Amino acid sequence: MTSKKNNNRIEVVKTWKLYMGGAFPRSESGRSTEVTNAGGRIVGHVCRASRKDLRDAVDTARKAAEGWARRSGYNRGQILYRMAEMAEGRRDELTRAIVDCRGGSTAEARRETDATIDRLVSMAGWTDKVDQVHGCRNQVAGAFHDMSIPEPMGVVGVIAPKKPSLLGLVSLIAPALATGSVVVALGSEPHPIPTVLLGEICATSDVPDGVVNLLTGRTNELLPHFASHRNLNAVMAAGLSAKQRKELQVGAVDALTRTRPSLDSKPFDDDDYWTSPAILAPYLEIKTLWHPIGS
């Protein structure tokens, strides 16, 4: 039996969902956005997250924060490495997603994908070394032991840059996971498909539910709510305009949220910086303990 090619067939274009709490819900608003390639062809639809979606993601992350922080650094490293393994298995798909969204050459997209995978491996190596590198025993003028101990920040909001859409997102998320924090991240607005693909990778990488939560939507719409949300301990951002950076900082004052609105001061392909212990520091709080020396 033979069939004739139907030139009038309408392609079924995928609608990508949010990733929250280990599940893939649609936006509660019912809104979605077309994603087109450089030639104007529709390559997908993504959910347009609302303020309520952000609130739900933060609530989910808060429930997961304590359990993730209690895990050993060794175990967190295993999970980050598993994410790298799963990303390696979907290397071609990630590369195509970058090209479809942003355009450019396949070779350039491949370099971004490979750098992303390597960055996950690098952060996996830091998980059980954070205490030694960022903690210390302090000399004091008195009969005391004085120690500084790094602790996870808690629930970290992340606003990813427009590009590089995949490498930029992972470069902001991975240090948070490595240091024991959980994440609510807003992916690249114009190039969102790598963000939702990362959600599928997390879902098959032993990442506990709620540790990574990924939203797609409009930065200007959600930025004020990231800034003012009282259940976020910090907001890390890259690729913001001067106006957006100021809005983030001013909005975070009332909620006492720590902000780093310009983490892209170094290019994301600068491995010396983005794999160094310096990138871990913004995701840590330092607790100092004083203990009297016994006679």
Protein backbone atom coordinates (compact mmCIF):
# COMPACT_ATOMS: atom_id res chain seq x y z
CA MET A 1 0.00 0.00 0.00
CA THR A 2 1.40 3.41 -0.95
CA SER A 3 0.60 6.83 0.38
CA LYS A 4 0.89 10.21 -1.22
CA LYS A 5 2.76 12.99 0.48
CA ASN A 6 0.35 15.58 1.82
CA ASN A 7 1.89 18.96 1.12
CA ASN A 8 -0.99 20.66 2.93
CA ARG A 9 -0.34 18.93 6.24
CA ILE A 10 -0.25 21.26 9.25
CA GLU A 11 2.65 20.52 11.57
CA VAL A 12 1.78 19.81 15.20
CA VAL A 13 3.81 22.38 17.11
CA LYS A 14 4.68 21.51 20.70
CA THR A 15 3.48 23.61 23.61
CA TRP A 16 6.13 23.53 26.31
CA LYS A 17 4.96 23.70 29.92
CA LEU A 18 6.44 25.13 33.08
CA TYR A 19 8.51 22.96 35.42
CA MET A 20 7.48 23.23 39.07
CA GLY A 21 7.69 20.78 41.93
CA GLY A 22 8.85 17.98 39.64
CA ALA A 23 5.74 18.34 37.46
CA PHE A 24 4.91 20.12 34.21
CA PRO A 25 1.86 22.34 34.77
CA ARG A 26 0.45 24.87 32.37
CA SER A 27 0.29 28.47 33.50
CA GLU A 28 -2.73 29.12 35.71
CA SER A 29 -3.45 32.10 33.46
CA GLY A 30 -3.94 29.91 30.41
CA ARG A 31 -1.61 32.18 28.40
CA SER A 32 1.07 31.03 26.00
CA THR A 33 3.54 32.71 23.65
CA GLU A 34 4.64 31.75 20.15
CA VAL A 35 8.35 31.07 19.67
CA THR A 36 9.64 31.77 16.17
CA ASN A 37 13.02 31.11 14.61
CA ALA A 38 15.17 33.62 12.76
CA GLY A 39 13.16 32.98 9.59
CA GLY A 40 9.84 33.69 11.28
CA ARG A 41 8.66 30.05 11.40
CA ILE A 42 6.83 29.00 14.57
CA VAL A 43 8.96 26.38 16.34
CA GLY A 44 6.89 26.07 19.50
CA HIS A 45 4.70 27.65 22.12
CA VAL A 46 5.69 28.25 25.74
CA CYS A 47 3.53 29.00 28.74
CA ARG A 48 3.56 32.62 29.89
CA ALA A 49 3.93 32.42 33.65
CA SER A 50 1.89 34.72 35.87
CA ARG A 51 2.45 36.21 39.30
CA LYS A 52 0.51 33.30 40.82
CA ASP A 53 2.74 30.79 39.02
CA LEU A 54 5.73 32.51 40.61
CA ARG A 55 4.10 32.35 44.05
CA ASP A 56 3.32 28.66 43.60
CA ALA A 57 6.89 27.95 42.48
CA VAL A 58 8.35 29.75 45.50
CA ASP A 59 6.03 27.87 47.89
CA THR A 60 7.13 24.58 46.30
CA ALA A 61 10.79 25.55 46.54
CA ARG A 62 10.44 26.55 50.20
CA LYS A 63 9.10 23.08 51.06
CA ALA A 64 12.09 21.48 49.34
CA ALA A 65 14.77 23.81 50.76
CA GLU A 66 15.42 22.13 54.08
CA GLY A 67 15.73 18.64 52.62
CA TRP A 68 18.12 19.77 49.89
CA ALA A 69 20.32 21.68 52.36
CA ARG A 70 20.52 18.61 54.62
CA ARG A 71 21.88 16.40 51.84
CA SER A 72 25.59 15.80 51.85
CA GLY A 73 27.75 17.73 49.44
CA TYR A 74 28.74 14.39 47.94
CA ASN A 75 25.12 13.55 47.15
CA ARG A 76 24.38 16.97 45.66
CA GLY A 77 27.44 16.49 43.47
CA GLN A 78 26.12 13.15 42.28
CA ILE A 79 22.84 14.77 41.24
CA LEU A 80 24.54 17.66 39.43
CA TYR A 81 26.73 15.17 37.62
CA ARG A 82 23.63 13.17 36.68
CA MET A 83 22.18 16.36 35.17
CA ALA A 84 25.35 16.62 33.06
CA GLU A 85 24.98 12.99 31.98
CA MET A 86 21.37 13.51 30.89
CA ALA A 87 22.26 16.75 29.08
CA GLU A 88 25.04 14.90 27.25
CA GLY A 89 22.46 12.37 26.07
CA ARG A 90 20.30 15.20 24.70
CA ARG A 91 23.21 17.20 23.32
CA ASP A 92 21.89 17.31 19.76
CA GLU A 93 18.40 18.31 20.90
CA LEU A 94 19.76 21.14 23.06
CA THR A 95 21.88 22.35 20.15
CA ARG A 96 18.89 22.37 17.80
CA ALA A 97 16.81 24.26 20.36
CA ILE A 98 19.45 26.99 20.60
CA VAL A 99 19.61 27.32 16.81
CA ASP A 100 15.82 27.29 16.43
CA CYS A 101 15.36 30.04 19.00
CA ARG A 102 18.33 32.28 18.40
CA GLY A 103 19.57 31.47 14.93
CA GLY A 104 23.28 31.40 14.22
CA SER A 105 25.46 28.47 13.30
CA THR A 106 25.14 24.93 14.58
CA ALA A 107 28.83 24.99 15.54
CA GLU A 108 28.29 28.03 17.79
CA ALA A 109 25.24 26.41 19.41
CA ARG A 110 27.22 23.20 19.93
CA ARG A 111 29.93 25.13 21.78
CA GLU A 112 27.31 26.62 24.08
CA THR A 113 25.78 23.21 24.76
CA ASP A 114 29.17 21.66 25.51
CA ALA A 115 30.11 24.56 27.80
CA THR A 116 26.83 24.11 29.66
CA ILE A 117 27.45 20.42 30.26
CA ASP A 118 31.02 21.11 31.38
CA ARG A 119 29.77 23.78 33.78
CA LEU A 120 27.46 21.29 35.47
CA VAL A 121 30.40 18.93 35.90
CA SER A 122 32.51 21.74 37.39
CA MET A 123 29.82 22.65 39.92
CA ALA A 124 29.38 18.97 40.80
CA GLY A 125 33.04 18.99 41.82
CA TRP A 126 32.59 21.95 44.19
CA THR A 127 29.71 20.58 46.27
CA ASP A 128 31.80 18.85 48.94
CA LYS A 129 34.53 21.50 49.02
CA VAL A 130 32.48 24.59 49.86
CA ASP A 131 33.12 24.42 53.62
CA GLN A 132 36.88 24.11 53.21
CA VAL A 133 37.15 26.95 50.68
CA HIS A 134 34.70 29.49 52.11
CA GLY A 135 34.88 28.54 55.79
CA CYS A 136 37.75 29.20 58.15
CA ARG A 137 39.02 29.28 61.72
CA ASN A 138 39.62 32.90 62.70
CA GLN A 139 42.35 34.18 64.97
CA VAL A 140 40.95 36.27 67.83
CA ALA A 141 42.53 38.09 70.75
CA GLY A 142 40.97 36.06 73.50
CA ALA A 143 40.33 32.59 74.91
CA PHE A 144 37.92 31.60 72.19
CA HIS A 145 37.62 29.36 69.19
CA ASP A 146 36.15 31.46 66.37
CA MET A 147 34.91 29.72 63.21
CA SER A 148 33.14 30.96 60.09
CA ILE A 149 30.88 28.37 58.48
CA PRO A 150 29.15 28.79 55.08
CA GLU A 151 25.45 27.95 54.86
CA PRO A 152 23.01 27.83 51.92
CA MET A 153 21.14 31.03 51.10
CA GLY A 154 17.80 29.19 50.98
CA VAL A 155 15.35 29.90 48.15
CA VAL A 156 17.10 31.76 45.34
CA GLY A 157 15.30 33.53 42.52
CA VAL A 158 17.13 33.59 39.20
CA ILE A 159 16.48 35.81 36.20
CA ALA A 160 18.43 34.47 33.25
CA PRO A 161 19.92 36.60 30.47
CA LYS A 162 18.41 36.73 26.98
CA LYS A 163 21.53 35.03 25.65
CA PRO A 164 23.30 32.74 25.96
CA SER A 165 19.94 31.23 26.82
CA LEU A 166 21.16 27.84 28.04
CA LEU A 167 24.67 28.57 29.32
CA GLY A 168 23.53 31.75 31.06
CA LEU A 169 20.69 29.98 32.86
CA VAL A 170 22.78 27.02 34.01
CA SER A 171 25.64 29.30 35.10
CA LEU A 172 23.26 31.02 37.53
CA ILE A 173 21.42 27.89 38.70
CA ALA A 174 24.28 25.42 39.20
CA PRO A 175 26.16 27.37 41.93
CA ALA A 176 22.93 27.65 43.93
CA LEU A 177 22.38 23.90 43.76
CA ALA A 178 26.03 23.18 44.54
CA THR A 179 25.92 25.26 47.74
CA GLY A 180 22.65 23.73 48.96
CA SER A 181 20.07 26.30 47.88
CA VAL A 182 16.95 25.69 45.80
CA VAL A 183 15.96 27.70 42.75
CA VAL A 184 13.03 29.46 41.10
CA ALA A 185 14.28 30.64 37.71
CA LEU A 186 12.84 32.71 34.89
CA GLY A 187 14.41 31.66 31.59
CA SER A 188 15.37 33.76 28.61
CA GLU A 189 12.32 35.66 27.36
CA PRO A 190 13.12 35.66 23.62
CA HIS A 191 14.79 32.22 23.61
CA PRO A 192 12.84 30.08 26.09
CA ILE A 193 12.96 26.54 24.66
CA PRO A 194 16.36 25.64 26.20
CA THR A 195 14.83 26.53 29.60
CA VAL A 196 11.97 24.06 29.26
CA LEU A 197 14.31 21.41 27.89
CA LEU A 198 16.40 21.85 31.04
CA GLY A 199 13.23 21.10 33.02
CA GLU A 200 12.90 17.76 31.24
CA ILE A 201 16.55 17.03 32.04
CA CYS A 202 15.98 17.83 35.74
CA ALA A 203 12.95 15.54 35.80
CA THR A 204 15.13 12.58 34.76
CA SER A 205 18.22 13.45 36.81
CA ASP A 206 17.24 12.50 40.37
CA VAL A 207 16.67 16.18 41.21
CA PRO A 208 14.21 16.14 44.14
CA ASP A 209 10.83 17.72 43.49
CA GLY A 210 10.84 21.46 44.11
CA VAL A 211 14.62 21.92 44.10
CA VAL A 212 14.60 23.38 40.58
CA ASN A 213 11.57 25.31 39.32
CA LEU A 214 11.64 26.84 35.83
CA LEU A 215 9.31 29.52 34.49
CA THR A 216 8.97 31.07 31.06
CA GLY A 217 7.38 34.44 30.50
CA ARG A 218 8.00 38.15 30.32
CA THR A 219 10.76 39.67 32.40
CA ASN A 220 9.12 43.07 32.85
CA GLU A 221 5.94 41.39 34.09
CA LEU A 222 7.57 39.12 36.68
CA LEU A 223 10.61 41.17 37.75
CA PRO A 224 8.71 43.30 40.32
CA HIS A 225 7.31 40.16 41.93
CA PHE A 226 10.72 38.50 42.12
CA ALA A 227 12.00 41.65 43.82
CA SER A 228 9.22 42.01 46.38
CA HIS A 229 8.50 38.36 47.23
CA ARG A 230 9.14 37.95 50.95
CA ASN A 231 9.79 34.21 50.72
CA LEU A 232 12.78 34.58 48.40
CA ASN A 233 16.09 34.89 50.22
CA ALA A 234 17.99 36.23 47.22
CA VAL A 235 17.57 37.13 43.57
CA MET A 236 20.43 36.60 41.12
CA ALA A 237 20.06 38.21 37.70
CA ALA A 238 21.92 38.79 34.46
CA GLY A 239 21.18 40.62 31.25
CA LEU A 240 19.01 43.31 32.84
CA SER A 241 18.88 46.88 31.62
CA ALA A 242 19.93 49.69 33.97
CA LYS A 243 16.24 50.45 34.60
CA GLN A 244 15.49 46.81 35.42
CA ARG A 245 18.49 46.54 37.76
CA LYS A 246 17.29 49.57 39.69
CA GLU A 247 13.74 48.20 39.82
CA LEU A 248 15.04 44.93 41.25
CA GLN A 249 17.16 46.65 43.90
CA VAL A 250 14.47 49.12 44.96
CA GLY A 251 11.76 46.46 45.04
CA ALA A 252 13.90 44.18 47.21
CA VAL A 253 14.42 46.78 49.94
CA ASP A 254 11.10 46.25 51.70
CA ALA A 255 11.37 42.45 51.54
CA LEU A 256 15.03 42.55 52.69
CA THR A 257 15.91 40.29 49.76
CA ARG A 258 19.56 40.07 48.80
CA THR A 259 20.11 40.96 45.16
CA ARG A 260 22.89 40.56 42.64
CA PRO A 261 21.40 42.27 39.56
CA SER A 262 24.45 42.14 37.31
CA LEU A 263 26.08 38.73 37.62
CA ASP A 264 26.99 38.94 33.93
CA SER A 265 29.89 41.31 34.56
CA LYS A 266 32.06 38.49 33.23
CA PRO A 267 31.24 36.72 29.91
CA PHE A 268 29.55 33.37 30.46
CA ASP A 269 32.23 31.62 28.38
CA ASP A 270 34.92 32.74 30.85
CA ASP A 271 35.57 29.37 32.45
CA ASP A 272 38.24 30.69 34.82
CA TYR A 273 35.62 32.87 36.52
CA TRP A 274 32.45 30.80 36.20
CA THR A 275 34.06 27.64 37.57
CA SER A 276 35.98 29.41 40.37
CA PRO A 277 35.03 29.54 44.08
CA ALA A 278 34.23 33.24 43.60
CA ILE A 279 30.97 32.38 41.86
CA LEU A 280 29.84 30.31 44.86
CA ALA A 281 30.14 33.19 47.34
CA PRO A 282 26.96 35.13 46.37
CA TYR A 283 24.90 32.02 47.11
CA LEU A 284 26.21 31.59 50.65
CA GLU A 285 25.59 33.07 54.08
CA ILE A 286 28.45 32.95 56.57
CA LYS A 287 27.69 32.02 60.18
CA THR A 288 30.39 32.88 62.73
CA LEU A 289 30.59 30.82 65.94
CA TRP A 290 32.43 31.81 69.12
CA HIS A 291 33.25 29.12 71.66
CA PRO A 292 35.25 29.57 74.86
CA ILE A 293 38.43 27.55 75.21
CA GLY A 294 38.17 25.31 78.25
CA SER A 295 40.75 25.50 81.02
